Every structure is written in C-alpha cells, then in structure tokens.
Amino acid sequence: MRIPIIDSHTEGEPTRVVIDGLELGSGSMKDRVERLQAEFDDVRRGILLEPRGSDAHVAAFLGDPLDDDADASVIFANNVGVLGMCVHGTIGVVRTLQHVGRVSDAPGTRIQLETPVGMVRASIENDGAIAVENVPSHRGLAGVEIRLEARVVHADIAWGGNWFALVNDHGEDLDRSRIPRLSRISSEIRRILNEREDDRGVDAEGRAVGGAVDHVELFGPPAAGGDSRNFVHCPGGAYDRSPCGTGTSAKLACLAADERLAPGEPWIQESILGSRFIGRYRRGERAGEIIPTVSGRAWITAEAELHLDPEDPYRFGID
C-alpha cells in the first residue's frame, strides 16, 4: 500500500497530511470517522507510529467537502486515535494546501475546512501567519480539586475542541529539562480526573460541563516574551511541541470566564520550547461561550510516499 503524504511542522509540532490513499466515502463526517476507525485504524497506526512516525505526529486525512463553501474536509488523528479538532494541525493543513496550490497564500485569503466538530475557518495574515477561528469554546468547571500523591492542585476543565484540564498551582518549573517529570504529573492528573464521575453533567445551556479529559495543560510564567508558558500532555503520552491551539482556545475560555482578558485583546501563549501562538476571542452566541482565533506559522518539511509492505512485520507501526 502506498500513501502520499506532505509533512510540516507548526511552531515545532509535526503534522502529516495524508493526501490520498484511503477511501473514507462521501458520507457525513461522522460516517467518515467511523469508517476510518473501523476499516483503517491499522493504517492510521502505520502512518503515525514508529518506524514511520513518532508519538508527536498528528495525521490529517484530507477529503472532499460536503459543504460547497468549504475548501476541504479533514479528520485529525494521533497515535491513539481520532481527535475532535487540532488547531496546530489545521495550520499545517492550510500551509499544505498553499504548498500544492489549492489555496492562495495572499494576505486576507480565507479558507474553510469541515471537521468532525464543525466548520473551522482560517485566514492568511499580513506576515504570512495562519489564523484559525476555532470551534466555540467554554469552561465547564472551575477549580476542581485534585489530590495527587505529593500535593493538591486545582484544575479548570474546559473545551477548546478537545477536553482540557488546565492547572496553574502545580508548583513545577516549566523547563525542557523537566519534561519527563511534567509528563508524569500530568498523567496522574488526567488519570485521577477520569476515574471520577462527580465532574460530569450539563449546564443550563445544555452543554457538557465535564468530559473525559484528553489533554492536561500546566501553566507558568513566560520565558520568551509571551503572556504565559505551557506544557501540554497529549492523550498518547507525548508532549505538544507547539503551544497547542485547542489548549490555547481552552485557556482563552478560562481567561474570558474570569474577566482577565477582553474580547479582541491578544494573548501570547508560549510552548515548552518557547514557540508562540497568538490568541484572541470574540463572544459566542451562548452564555459563557467564546469563539477563539489562534494564529501561528507552519513550514513544509517533506513530501513522501509511505510504503506499507505486506511483508513488513511493522507496516502497522510499533505499539
């Protein structure tokens, strides 16, 4: 099996766009996701896991749009399964569409992508950065107490396209040398939250106020001129090299809920590497809801054709 791909990285985080090779059908996005999971999950693993990929890779499966106004449809997946949304991946997809000539790189150009969680809009900024208007985001729960082995911390649970636990009082230095320790603490936070059932339900607007936590986001003081630095622990155990676009969206929702950031005001979010996203938001239609926009840069790193040889014992990855 041969699968053409284009690789890029968005502020350090890799995206692997699958141009062709999988027949996911022409049904709804839900139907396509179900087919990807049921019929092509081994291929997903082969694309993303070693020896062809890494824990940090996110795949973007391009498809034809259902909506005539959309430029493409896209389903994101990582090393453990399908993602609801991925902003760094969206920036990578737009950069890839520019690279192959399907969309313009002129400032002001607008792009629309259908995703499993709704229509996502992007635009090209004057400096060439790609700004993504993400799905409506909100904070479901504030200050949830979590008793770790060594300390008590508190998490806001927020939706930015995936569910996040956002923690400020972890007491750790957000330095690259401490990534293994930060990963262990984040994993413990997620495990404890997801074992509990008291943080579930819906609010007065009918939205979920707590879902199974996908990502854990630790915050600390900036070190590269931003407003905050983060460490983001992803579902498959990797850390996000970028500042995480859905995580930045969740952060904006919390800042808005606490009235610490006004609509339209920029928030510069640094990653553990020091790369940066710029986030802004406008008010959504429902109470407590925001529409976040996150901008960043992406670069093409490779064009290739993956081979999944039927004689290769590791064609579907190394688990």
C-alpha atoms as a PDB file:
ATOM      1  CA  MET A   1       0.000   0.000   0.000  1.00  0.00           C
ATOM      2  CA  ARG A   2       1.367   3.399  -0.989  1.00  0.00           C
ATOM      3  CA  ILE A   3       0.221   6.551   0.813  1.00  0.00           C
ATOM      4  CA  PRO A   4       1.294  10.015  -0.414  1.00  0.00           C
ATOM      5  CA  ILE A   5       1.931  12.490   2.394  1.00  0.00           C
ATOM      6  CA  ILE A   6       3.171  16.032   2.955  1.00  0.00           C
ATOM      7  CA  ASP A   7       4.834  16.766   6.286  1.00  0.00           C
ATOM      8  CA  SER A   8       5.021  20.130   8.020  1.00  0.00           C
ATOM      9  CA  HIS A   9       5.565  21.485  11.483  1.00  0.00           C
ATOM     10  CA  THR A  10       3.584  24.200  13.216  1.00  0.00           C
ATOM     11  CA  GLU A  11       5.734  26.042  15.734  1.00  0.00           C
ATOM     12  CA  GLY A  12       7.615  22.777  16.312  1.00  0.00           C
ATOM     13  CA  GLU A  13       4.710  20.297  16.305  1.00  0.00           C
ATOM     14  CA  PRO A  14       4.566  17.952  13.282  1.00  0.00           C
ATOM     15  CA  THR A  15       1.557  17.427  11.017  1.00  0.00           C
ATOM     16  CA  ARG A  16       1.403  14.654   8.421  1.00  0.00           C
ATOM     17  CA  VAL A  17      -1.213  15.395   5.757  1.00  0.00           C
ATOM     18  CA  VAL A  18      -2.479  12.274   4.004  1.00  0.00           C
ATOM     19  CA  ILE A  19      -3.270  13.478   0.507  1.00  0.00           C
ATOM     20  CA  ASP A  20      -4.744  10.271  -0.894  1.00  0.00           C
ATOM     21  CA  GLY A  21      -4.828   6.514  -0.423  1.00  0.00           C
ATOM     22  CA  LEU A  22      -7.787   5.971   1.920  1.00  0.00           C
ATOM     23  CA  GLU A  23     -11.351   5.618   0.675  1.00  0.00           C
ATOM     24  CA  LEU A  24     -13.449   7.057   3.502  1.00  0.00           C
ATOM     25  CA  GLY A  25     -16.518   7.544   1.327  1.00  0.00           C
ATOM     26  CA  SER A  26     -18.675  10.580   0.654  1.00  0.00           C
ATOM     27  CA  GLY A  27     -20.958  10.331   3.679  1.00  0.00           C
ATOM     28  CA  SER A  28     -21.174  12.639   6.668  1.00  0.00           C
ATOM     29  CA  MET A  29     -18.108  13.491   8.726  1.00  0.00           C
ATOM     30  CA  LYS A  30     -19.427  11.121  11.393  1.00  0.00           C
ATOM     31  CA  ASP A  31     -19.663   8.329   8.796  1.00  0.00           C
ATOM     32  CA  ARG A  32     -16.122   9.017   7.603  1.00  0.00           C
ATOM     33  CA  VAL A  33     -14.741   8.961  11.143  1.00  0.00           C
ATOM     34  CA  GLU A  34     -16.488   5.666  11.826  1.00  0.00           C
ATOM     35  CA  ARG A  35     -15.081   4.171   8.623  1.00  0.00           C
ATOM     36  CA  LEU A  36     -11.575   5.381   9.461  1.00  0.00           C
ATOM     37  CA  GLN A  37     -11.850   3.773  12.886  1.00  0.00           C
ATOM     38  CA  ALA A  38     -13.454   0.538  11.696  1.00  0.00           C
ATOM     39  CA  GLU A  39     -11.581  -0.152   8.461  1.00  0.00           C
ATOM     40  CA  PHE A  40      -8.342   1.826   8.503  1.00  0.00           C
ATOM     41  CA  ASP A  41      -7.190   2.013  12.123  1.00  0.00           C
ATOM     42  CA  ASP A  42      -4.224  -0.243  11.345  1.00  0.00           C
ATOM     43  CA  VAL A  43      -3.248   2.147   8.538  1.00  0.00           C
ATOM     44  CA  ARG A  44      -3.562   5.095  10.947  1.00  0.00           C
ATOM     45  CA  ARG A  45      -1.104   3.345  13.248  1.00  0.00           C
ATOM     46  CA  GLY A  46       1.274   2.620  10.386  1.00  0.00           C
ATOM     47  CA  ILE A  47       1.249   6.265   9.336  1.00  0.00           C
ATOM     48  CA  LEU A  48       1.781   7.682  12.823  1.00  0.00           C
ATOM     49  CA  LEU A  49       3.761   5.172  14.870  1.00  0.00           C
ATOM     50  CA  GLU A  50       7.398   4.232  14.582  1.00  0.00           C
ATOM     51  CA  PRO A  51       9.182   3.339  12.335  1.00  0.00           C
ATOM     52  CA  ARG A  52       7.467   5.866  10.004  1.00  0.00           C
ATOM     53  CA  GLY A  53       6.225   8.360  12.561  1.00  0.00           C
ATOM     54  CA  SER A  54       6.555   9.315  16.215  1.00  0.00           C
ATOM     55  CA  ASP A  55       4.408   9.950  19.270  1.00  0.00           C
ATOM     56  CA  ALA A  56       4.355  13.661  18.426  1.00  0.00           C
ATOM     57  CA  HIS A  57       2.938  13.285  14.907  1.00  0.00           C
ATOM     58  CA  VAL A  58      -0.661  14.215  14.118  1.00  0.00           C
ATOM     59  CA  ALA A  59      -2.176  12.957  10.864  1.00  0.00           C
ATOM     60  CA  ALA A  60      -4.662  14.961   8.838  1.00  0.00           C
ATOM     61  CA  PHE A  61      -6.774  12.890   6.431  1.00  0.00           C
ATOM     62  CA  LEU A  62      -7.947  15.174   3.626  1.00  0.00           C
ATOM     63  CA  GLY A  63     -11.237  14.574   1.865  1.00  0.00           C
ATOM     64  CA  ASP A  64     -13.779  16.241  -0.373  1.00  0.00           C
ATOM     65  CA  PRO A  65     -16.050  18.700   1.447  1.00  0.00           C
ATOM     66  CA  LEU A  66     -19.750  18.145   1.972  1.00  0.00           C
ATOM     67  CA  ASP A  67     -20.436  21.877   2.135  1.00  0.00           C
ATOM     68  CA  ASP A  68     -19.962  23.715  -1.166  1.00  0.00           C
ATOM     69  CA  ASP A  69     -18.446  26.654   0.721  1.00  0.00           C
ATOM     70  CA  ALA A  70     -15.669  24.512   2.252  1.00  0.00           C
ATOM     71  CA  ASP A  71     -12.247  24.043   0.655  1.00  0.00           C
ATOM     72  CA  ALA A  72     -11.749  20.525   2.047  1.00  0.00           C
ATOM     73  CA  SER A  73     -12.756  18.172   4.810  1.00  0.00           C
ATOM     74  CA  VAL A  74     -10.221  16.911   7.312  1.00  0.00           C
ATOM     75  CA  ILE A  75     -10.110  14.310  10.063  1.00  0.00           C
ATOM     76  CA  PHE A  76      -7.283  14.535  12.578  1.00  0.00           C
ATOM     77  CA  ALA A  77      -5.770  11.577  14.409  1.00  0.00           C
ATOM     78  CA  ASN A  78      -2.834  10.955  16.702  1.00  0.00           C
ATOM     79  CA  ASN A  79      -1.034   7.866  17.968  1.00  0.00           C
ATOM     80  CA  VAL A  80      -4.059   6.653  19.965  1.00  0.00           C
ATOM     81  CA  GLY A  81      -6.998   7.547  17.740  1.00  0.00           C
ATOM     82  CA  VAL A  82      -9.151  10.239  16.149  1.00  0.00           C
ATOM     83  CA  LEU A  83      -9.069  13.784  17.542  1.00  0.00           C
ATOM     84  CA  GLY A  84     -12.091  16.058  17.604  1.00  0.00           C
ATOM     85  CA  MET A  85     -10.071  19.051  16.456  1.00  0.00           C
ATOM     86  CA  CYS A  86      -6.439  20.107  16.122  1.00  0.00           C
ATOM     87  CA  VAL A  87      -5.548  23.758  15.593  1.00  0.00           C
ATOM     88  CA  HIS A  88      -1.819  23.237  15.009  1.00  0.00           C
ATOM     89  CA  GLY A  89      -2.847  20.549  12.515  1.00  0.00           C
ATOM     90  CA  THR A  90      -5.272  22.964  10.835  1.00  0.00           C
ATOM     91  CA  ILE A  91      -2.463  25.476  10.397  1.00  0.00           C
ATOM     92  CA  GLY A  92      -0.367  22.656   8.903  1.00  0.00           C
ATOM     93  CA  VAL A  93      -3.217  21.651   6.562  1.00  0.00           C
ATOM     94  CA  VAL A  94      -3.643  25.215   5.309  1.00  0.00           C
ATOM     95  CA  ARG A  95       0.118  25.520   4.751  1.00  0.00           C
ATOM     96  CA  THR A  96      -0.006  22.227   2.818  1.00  0.00           C
ATOM     97  CA  LEU A  97      -2.942  23.395   0.686  1.00  0.00           C
ATOM     98  CA  GLN A  98      -0.934  26.522  -0.110  1.00  0.00           C
ATOM     99  CA  HIS A  99       2.082  24.369  -0.999  1.00  0.00           C
ATOM    100  CA  VAL A 100       0.130  22.284  -3.515  1.00  0.00           C
ATOM    101  CA  GLY A 101      -1.645  25.319  -4.980  1.00  0.00           C
ATOM    102  CA  ARG A 102      -5.163  24.585  -3.771  1.00  0.00           C
ATOM    103  CA  VAL A 103      -5.462  27.841  -1.791  1.00  0.00           C
ATOM    104  CA  SER A 104      -3.747  31.190  -2.108  1.00  0.00           C
ATOM    105  CA  ASP A 105      -1.018  32.439   0.220  1.00  0.00           C
ATOM    106  CA  ALA A 106      -2.082  36.061  -0.302  1.00  0.00           C
ATOM    107  CA  PRO A 107      -2.870  38.018   2.878  1.00  0.00           C
ATOM    108  CA  GLY A 108      -6.591  38.145   3.517  1.00  0.00           C
ATOM    109  CA  THR A 109      -7.313  34.796   1.872  1.00  0.00           C
ATOM    110  CA  ARG A 110      -9.991  32.841   3.754  1.00  0.00           C
ATOM    111  CA  ILE A 111     -10.189  29.046   3.951  1.00  0.00           C
ATOM    112  CA  GLN A 112     -12.942  26.813   5.332  1.00  0.00           C
ATOM    113  CA  LEU A 113     -12.403  23.248   6.495  1.00  0.00           C
ATOM    114  CA  GLU A 114     -15.037  20.754   7.596  1.00  0.00           C
ATOM    115  CA  THR A 115     -14.029  18.783  10.698  1.00  0.00           C
ATOM    116  CA  PRO A 116     -15.833  16.239  12.889  1.00  0.00           C
ATOM    117  CA  VAL A 117     -16.614  19.006  15.418  1.00  0.00           C
ATOM    118  CA  GLY A 118     -17.826  21.588  12.911  1.00  0.00           C
ATOM    119  CA  MET A 119     -16.688  24.091  10.290  1.00  0.00           C
ATOM    120  CA  VAL A 120     -13.328  25.706  11.002  1.00  0.00           C
ATOM    121  CA  ARG A 121     -12.273  28.919   9.282  1.00  0.00           C
ATOM    122  CA  ALA A 122      -8.754  30.129   8.646  1.00  0.00           C
ATOM    123  CA  SER A 123      -7.252  33.261   7.108  1.00  0.00           C
ATOM    124  CA  ILE A 124      -3.832  34.387   5.949  1.00  0.00           C
ATOM    125  CA  GLU A 125      -2.375  37.290   7.908  1.00  0.00           C
ATOM    126  CA  ASN A 126      -0.127  40.056   6.568  1.00  0.00           C
ATOM    127  CA  ASP A 127       3.032  38.417   7.922  1.00  0.00           C
ATOM    128  CA  GLY A 128       2.140  35.039   6.381  1.00  0.00           C
ATOM    129  CA  ALA A 129       0.947  33.527   9.670  1.00  0.00           C
ATOM    130  CA  ILE A 130      -2.225  31.438   9.522  1.00  0.00           C
ATOM    131  CA  ALA A 131      -5.071  32.401  11.849  1.00  0.00           C
ATOM    132  CA  VAL A 132      -7.610  29.714  12.713  1.00  0.00           C
ATOM    133  CA  GLU A 133     -11.055  30.565  14.034  1.00  0.00           C
ATOM    134  CA  ASN A 134     -11.727  27.531  16.178  1.00  0.00           C
ATOM    135  CA  VAL A 135     -14.988  25.953  17.271  1.00  0.00           C
ATOM    136  CA  PRO A 136     -16.981  27.547  20.131  1.00  0.00           C
ATOM    137  CA  SER A 137     -15.123  27.020  23.396  1.00  0.00           C
ATOM    138  CA  HIS A 138     -16.140  27.261  27.015  1.00  0.00           C
ATOM    139  CA  ARG A 139     -15.109  26.457  30.560  1.00  0.00           C
ATOM    140  CA  GLY A 140     -17.188  23.721  32.098  1.00  0.00           C
ATOM    141  CA  LEU A 141     -15.788  23.572  35.617  1.00  0.00           C
ATOM    142  CA  ALA A 142     -13.522  25.853  37.648  1.00  0.00           C
ATOM    143  CA  GLY A 143     -11.073  24.984  40.417  1.00  0.00           C
ATOM    144  CA  VAL A 144     -11.656  21.230  40.584  1.00  0.00           C
ATOM    145  CA  GLU A 145      -9.581  19.857  43.466  1.00  0.00           C
ATOM    146  CA  ILE A 146      -7.211  17.009  42.621  1.00  0.00           C
ATOM    147  CA  ARG A 147      -5.286  15.206  45.345  1.00  0.00           C
ATOM    148  CA  LEU A 148      -2.019  13.962  43.925  1.00  0.00           C
ATOM    149  CA  GLU A 149       0.414  11.765  45.759  1.00  0.00           C
ATOM    150  CA  ALA A 150       2.635  14.700  46.718  1.00  0.00           C
ATOM    151  CA  ARG A 151       0.300  17.722  46.640  1.00  0.00           C
ATOM    152  CA  VAL A 152      -3.163  19.126  46.000  1.00  0.00           C
ATOM    153  CA  VAL A 153      -3.742  21.007  42.745  1.00  0.00           C
ATOM    154  CA  HIS A 154      -6.763  22.629  41.142  1.00  0.00           C
ATOM    155  CA  ALA A 155      -7.902  22.357  37.536  1.00  0.00           C
ATOM    156  CA  ASP A 156     -10.291  24.191  35.293  1.00  0.00           C
ATOM    157  CA  ILE A 157     -11.987  21.809  32.863  1.00  0.00           C
ATOM    158  CA  ALA A 158     -12.531  23.500  29.514  1.00  0.00           C
ATOM    159  CA  TRP A 159     -13.454  22.619  25.933  1.00  0.00           C
ATOM    160  CA  GLY A 160     -11.446  24.034  23.034  1.00  0.00           C
ATOM    161  CA  GLY A 161     -12.170  21.286  20.526  1.00  0.00           C
ATOM    162  CA  ASN A 162     -10.871  18.676  22.989  1.00  0.00           C
ATOM    163  CA  TRP A 163     -11.338  18.483  26.760  1.00  0.00           C
ATOM    164  CA  PHE A 164      -8.510  20.028  28.798  1.00  0.00           C
ATOM    165  CA  ALA A 165      -7.562  20.151  32.449  1.00  0.00           C
ATOM    166  CA  LEU A 166      -5.775  23.480  32.963  1.00  0.00           C
ATOM    167  CA  VAL A 167      -3.601  23.694  36.079  1.00  0.00           C
ATOM    168  CA  ASN A 168      -1.720  26.714  37.437  1.00  0.00           C
ATOM    169  CA  ASP A 169      -0.821  25.663  41.004  1.00  0.00           C
ATOM    170  CA  HIS A 170       1.303  22.598  40.160  1.00  0.00           C
ATOM    171  CA  GLY A 171       4.473  24.088  41.684  1.00  0.00           C
ATOM    172  CA  GLU A 172       6.773  22.929  38.872  1.00  0.00           C
ATOM    173  CA  ASP A 173       9.263  24.791  36.702  1.00  0.00           C
ATOM    174  CA  LEU A 174       8.239  24.568  33.053  1.00  0.00           C
ATOM    175  CA  ASP A 175      11.659  23.817  31.652  1.00  0.00           C
ATOM    176  CA  ARG A 176      12.570  21.364  28.886  1.00  0.00           C
ATOM    177  CA  SER A 177      14.920  19.518  31.245  1.00  0.00           C
ATOM    178  CA  ARG A 178      11.898  18.577  33.380  1.00  0.00           C
ATOM    179  CA  ILE A 179       9.685  17.163  30.614  1.00  0.00           C
ATOM    180  CA  PRO A 180       9.712  13.563  31.992  1.00  0.00           C
ATOM    181  CA  ARG A 181       8.594  14.801  35.427  1.00  0.00           C
ATOM    182  CA  LEU A 182       5.975  17.142  33.953  1.00  0.00           C
ATOM    183  CA  SER A 183       4.651  14.230  31.900  1.00  0.00           C
ATOM    184  CA  ARG A 184       4.312  12.013  34.996  1.00  0.00           C
ATOM    185  CA  ILE A 185       2.452  14.690  36.959  1.00  0.00           C
ATOM    186  CA  SER A 186       0.142  15.468  34.030  1.00  0.00           C
ATOM    187  CA  SER A 187      -0.592  11.778  33.511  1.00  0.00           C
ATOM    188  CA  GLU A 188      -1.505  11.436  37.190  1.00  0.00           C
ATOM    189  CA  ILE A 189      -3.839  14.440  36.971  1.00  0.00           C
ATOM    190  CA  ARG A 190      -5.626  13.004  33.953  1.00  0.00           C
ATOM    191  CA  ARG A 191      -5.930   9.541  35.480  1.00  0.00           C
ATOM    192  CA  ILE A 192      -7.466  10.873  38.686  1.00  0.00           C
ATOM    193  CA  LEU A 193      -9.919  13.142  36.875  1.00  0.00           C
ATOM    194  CA  ASN A 194     -11.051  10.425  34.510  1.00  0.00           C
ATOM    195  CA  GLU A 195     -11.620   7.953  37.341  1.00  0.00           C
ATOM    196  CA  ARG A 196     -14.089  10.327  38.968  1.00  0.00           C
ATOM    197  CA  GLU A 197     -17.742  10.565  37.998  1.00  0.00           C
ATOM    198  CA  ASP A 198     -18.777  13.628  40.015  1.00  0.00           C
ATOM    199  CA  ASP A 199     -17.421  16.100  37.439  1.00  0.00           C
ATOM    200  CA  ARG A 200     -19.933  15.261  34.728  1.00  0.00           C
ATOM    201  CA  GLY A 201     -23.282  16.656  33.639  1.00  0.00           C
ATOM    202  CA  VAL A 202     -24.671  19.589  31.646  1.00  0.00           C
ATOM    203  CA  ASP A 203     -25.153  23.252  32.430  1.00  0.00           C
ATOM    204  CA  ALA A 204     -28.216  25.467  31.956  1.00  0.00           C
ATOM    205  CA  GLU A 205     -27.283  25.927  28.293  1.00  0.00           C
ATOM    206  CA  GLY A 206     -27.287  22.177  27.705  1.00  0.00           C
ATOM    207  CA  ARG A 207     -23.512  21.895  27.297  1.00  0.00           C
ATOM    208  CA  ALA A 208     -21.379  19.270  28.893  1.00  0.00           C
ATOM    209  CA  VAL A 209     -19.582  20.731  31.916  1.00  0.00           C
ATOM    210  CA  GLY A 210     -17.074  17.938  32.233  1.00  0.00           C
ATOM    211  CA  GLY A 211     -15.994  15.255  29.820  1.00  0.00           C
ATOM    212  CA  ALA A 212     -13.229  12.700  29.808  1.00  0.00           C
ATOM    213  CA  VAL A 213     -10.049  14.754  29.853  1.00  0.00           C
ATOM    214  CA  ASP A 214      -7.944  14.312  26.707  1.00  0.00           C
ATOM    215  CA  HIS A 215      -5.131  16.743  27.496  1.00  0.00           C
ATOM    216  CA  VAL A 216      -3.560  18.243  30.600  1.00  0.00           C
ATOM    217  CA  GLU A 217      -2.113  21.732  30.388  1.00  0.00           C
ATOM    218  CA  LEU A 218       0.271  23.125  33.010  1.00  0.00           C
ATOM    219  CA  PHE A 219       0.878  26.886  33.054  1.00  0.00           C
ATOM    220  CA  GLY A 220       3.731  29.018  34.316  1.00  0.00           C
ATOM    221  CA  PRO A 221       5.496  32.366  33.817  1.00  0.00           C
ATOM    222  CA  PRO A 222       6.598  33.284  30.292  1.00  0.00           C
ATOM    223  CA  ALA A 223      10.217  32.962  29.259  1.00  0.00           C
ATOM    224  CA  ALA A 224      10.184  34.221  25.654  1.00  0.00           C
ATOM    225  CA  GLY A 225       8.201  37.451  25.798  1.00  0.00           C
ATOM    226  CA  GLY A 226       4.726  35.954  25.915  1.00  0.00           C
ATOM    227  CA  ASP A 227       1.940  36.169  28.473  1.00  0.00           C
ATOM    228  CA  SER A 228       2.281  32.605  29.757  1.00  0.00           C
ATOM    229  CA  ARG A 229       4.217  29.391  29.150  1.00  0.00           C
ATOM    230  CA  ASN A 230       2.562  25.984  28.986  1.00  0.00           C
ATOM    231  CA  PHE A 231       3.358  22.313  28.997  1.00  0.00           C
ATOM    232  CA  VAL A 232       0.700  20.233  27.243  1.00  0.00           C
ATOM    233  CA  HIS A 233       0.428  16.481  27.836  1.00  0.00           C
ATOM    234  CA  CYS A 234      -1.342  14.739  24.956  1.00  0.00           C
ATOM    235  CA  PRO A 235      -3.603  11.642  25.029  1.00  0.00           C
ATOM    236  CA  GLY A 236      -0.939   9.250  23.762  1.00  0.00           C
ATOM    237  CA  GLY A 237       1.679  10.336  26.286  1.00  0.00           C
ATOM    238  CA  ALA A 238       3.607  12.779  24.071  1.00  0.00           C
ATOM    239  CA  TYR A 239       4.002  16.457  24.862  1.00  0.00           C
ATOM    240  CA  ASP A 240       2.977  19.200  22.445  1.00  0.00           C
ATOM    241  CA  ARG A 241       5.974  20.993  20.967  1.00  0.00           C
ATOM    242  CA  SER A 242       3.731  23.902  19.962  1.00  0.00           C
ATOM    243  CA  PRO A 243       1.678  25.948  22.450  1.00  0.00           C
ATOM    244  CA  CYS A 244      -1.339  23.765  21.424  1.00  0.00           C
ATOM    245  CA  GLY A 245      -4.100  25.547  19.562  1.00  0.00           C
ATOM    246  CA  THR A 246      -7.070  23.783  21.135  1.00  0.00           C
ATOM    247  CA  GLY A 247      -5.345  24.219  24.506  1.00  0.00           C
ATOM    248  CA  THR A 248      -4.886  27.923  23.839  1.00  0.00           C
ATOM    249  CA  SER A 249      -8.588  28.084  22.939  1.00  0.00           C
ATOM    250  CA  ALA A 250      -9.448  26.438  26.261  1.00  0.00           C
ATOM    251  CA  LYS A 251      -7.155  28.917  28.029  1.00  0.00           C
ATOM    252  CA  LEU A 252      -8.893  31.860  26.349  1.00  0.00           C
ATOM    253  CA  ALA A 253     -12.259  30.486  27.507  1.00  0.00           C
ATOM    254  CA  CYS A 254     -10.989  30.423  31.099  1.00  0.00           C
ATOM    255  CA  LEU A 255      -9.488  33.920  30.857  1.00  0.00           C
ATOM    256  CA  ALA A 256     -12.781  35.213  29.464  1.00  0.00           C
ATOM    257  CA  ALA A 257     -14.782  33.481  32.211  1.00  0.00           C
ATOM    258  CA  ASP A 258     -12.553  35.108  34.866  1.00  0.00           C
ATOM    259  CA  GLU A 259     -12.734  38.500  33.060  1.00  0.00           C
ATOM    260  CA  ARG A 260      -8.948  38.571  32.778  1.00  0.00           C
ATOM    261  CA  LEU A 261      -8.886  39.125  29.014  1.00  0.00           C
ATOM    262  CA  ALA A 262     -11.173  41.378  26.983  1.00  0.00           C
ATOM    263  CA  PRO A 263     -12.599  40.387  23.589  1.00  0.00           C
ATOM    264  CA  GLY A 264     -10.096  41.128  20.819  1.00  0.00           C
ATOM    265  CA  GLU A 265      -7.162  41.548  23.197  1.00  0.00           C
ATOM    266  CA  PRO A 266      -4.149  39.388  22.210  1.00  0.00           C
ATOM    267  CA  TRP A 267      -2.834  36.605  24.431  1.00  0.00           C
ATOM    268  CA  ILE A 268       0.630  35.281  23.552  1.00  0.00           C
ATOM    269  CA  GLN A 269       0.958  31.651  24.596  1.00  0.00           C
ATOM    270  CA  GLU A 270       4.434  30.111  24.719  1.00  0.00           C
ATOM    271  CA  SER A 271       5.152  26.406  24.412  1.00  0.00           C
ATOM    272  CA  ILE A 272       7.651  24.459  26.498  1.00  0.00           C
ATOM    273  CA  LEU A 273      10.073  25.084  23.591  1.00  0.00           C
ATOM    274  CA  GLY A 274       9.425  28.828  23.536  1.00  0.00           C
ATOM    275  CA  SER A 275       7.473  28.858  20.240  1.00  0.00           C
ATOM    276  CA  ARG A 276       4.379  31.048  20.276  1.00  0.00           C
ATOM    277  CA  PHE A 277       0.729  31.259  19.288  1.00  0.00           C
ATOM    278  CA  ILE A 278      -1.276  34.483  19.442  1.00  0.00           C
ATOM    279  CA  GLY A 279      -4.851  34.025  20.618  1.00  0.00           C
ATOM    280  CA  ARG A 280      -7.869  36.325  20.608  1.00  0.00           C
ATOM    281  CA  TYR A 281     -11.567  35.736  21.079  1.00  0.00           C
ATOM    282  CA  ARG A 282     -14.995  37.179  20.488  1.00  0.00           C
ATOM    283  CA  ARG A 283     -18.151  36.432  22.417  1.00  0.00           C
ATOM    284  CA  GLY A 284     -20.220  33.447  21.303  1.00  0.00           C
ATOM    285  CA  GLU A 285     -23.964  33.229  20.981  1.00  0.00           C
ATOM    286  CA  ARG A 286     -24.474  31.265  24.203  1.00  0.00           C
ATOM    287  CA  ALA A 287     -23.690  32.339  27.742  1.00  0.00           C
ATOM    288  CA  GLY A 288     -20.070  31.711  28.683  1.00  0.00           C
ATOM    289  CA  GLU A 289     -19.122  30.739  25.138  1.00  0.00           C
ATOM    290  CA  ILE A 290     -16.297  32.282  23.145  1.00  0.00           C
ATOM    291  CA  ILE A 291     -15.133  31.986  19.543  1.00  0.00           C
ATOM    292  CA  PRO A 292     -11.328  31.801  19.722  1.00  0.00           C
ATOM    293  CA  THR A 293      -8.874  32.633  16.961  1.00  0.00           C
ATOM    294  CA  VAL A 294      -5.335  31.268  17.184  1.00  0.00           C
ATOM    295  CA  SER A 295      -2.547  32.249  14.806  1.00  0.00           C
ATOM    296  CA  GLY A 296       0.842  30.659  14.174  1.00  0.00           C
ATOM    297  CA  ARG A 297       3.328  29.661  11.499  1.00  0.00           C
ATOM    298  CA  ALA A 298       3.967  26.380   9.710  1.00  0.00           C
ATOM    299  CA  TRP A 299       6.713  25.133   7.417  1.00  0.00           C
ATOM    300  CA  ILE A 300       6.744  22.269   4.899  1.00  0.00           C
ATOM    301  CA  THR A 301       9.371  19.686   5.874  1.00  0.00           C
ATOM    302  CA  ALA A 302       8.900  16.809   3.418  1.00  0.00           C
ATOM    303  CA  GLU A 303       6.957  15.282   0.562  1.00  0.00           C
ATOM    304  CA  ALA A 304       6.992  11.495   0.513  1.00  0.00           C
ATOM    305  CA  GLU A 305       5.168   8.285  -0.249  1.00  0.00           C
ATOM    306  CA  LEU A 306       4.816   5.879   2.641  1.00  0.00           C
ATOM    307  CA  HIS A 307       5.051   2.182   1.811  1.00  0.00           C
ATOM    308  CA  LEU A 308       3.102  -0.341   3.881  1.00  0.00           C
ATOM    309  CA  ASP A 309       4.647  -3.524   2.549  1.00  0.00           C
ATOM    310  CA  PRO A 310       2.544  -6.633   3.342  1.00  0.00           C
ATOM    311  CA  GLU A 311       5.808  -8.483   4.120  1.00  0.00           C
ATOM    312  CA  ASP A 312       6.861  -5.833   6.652  1.00  0.00           C
ATOM    313  CA  PRO A 313       6.091  -7.031  10.212  1.00  0.00           C
ATOM    314  CA  TYR A 314       5.982  -3.379  11.342  1.00  0.00           C
ATOM    315  CA  ARG A 315       3.891  -1.964   8.485  1.00  0.00           C
ATOM    316  CA  PHE A 316       1.188  -1.050  11.003  1.00  0.00           C
ATOM    317  CA  GLY A 317       3.604   0.521  13.448  1.00  0.00           C
ATOM    318  CA  ILE A 318       5.367  -0.451  16.640  1.00  0.00           C
ATOM    319  CA  ASP A 319       2.932  -0.245  19.551  1.00  0.00           C
END
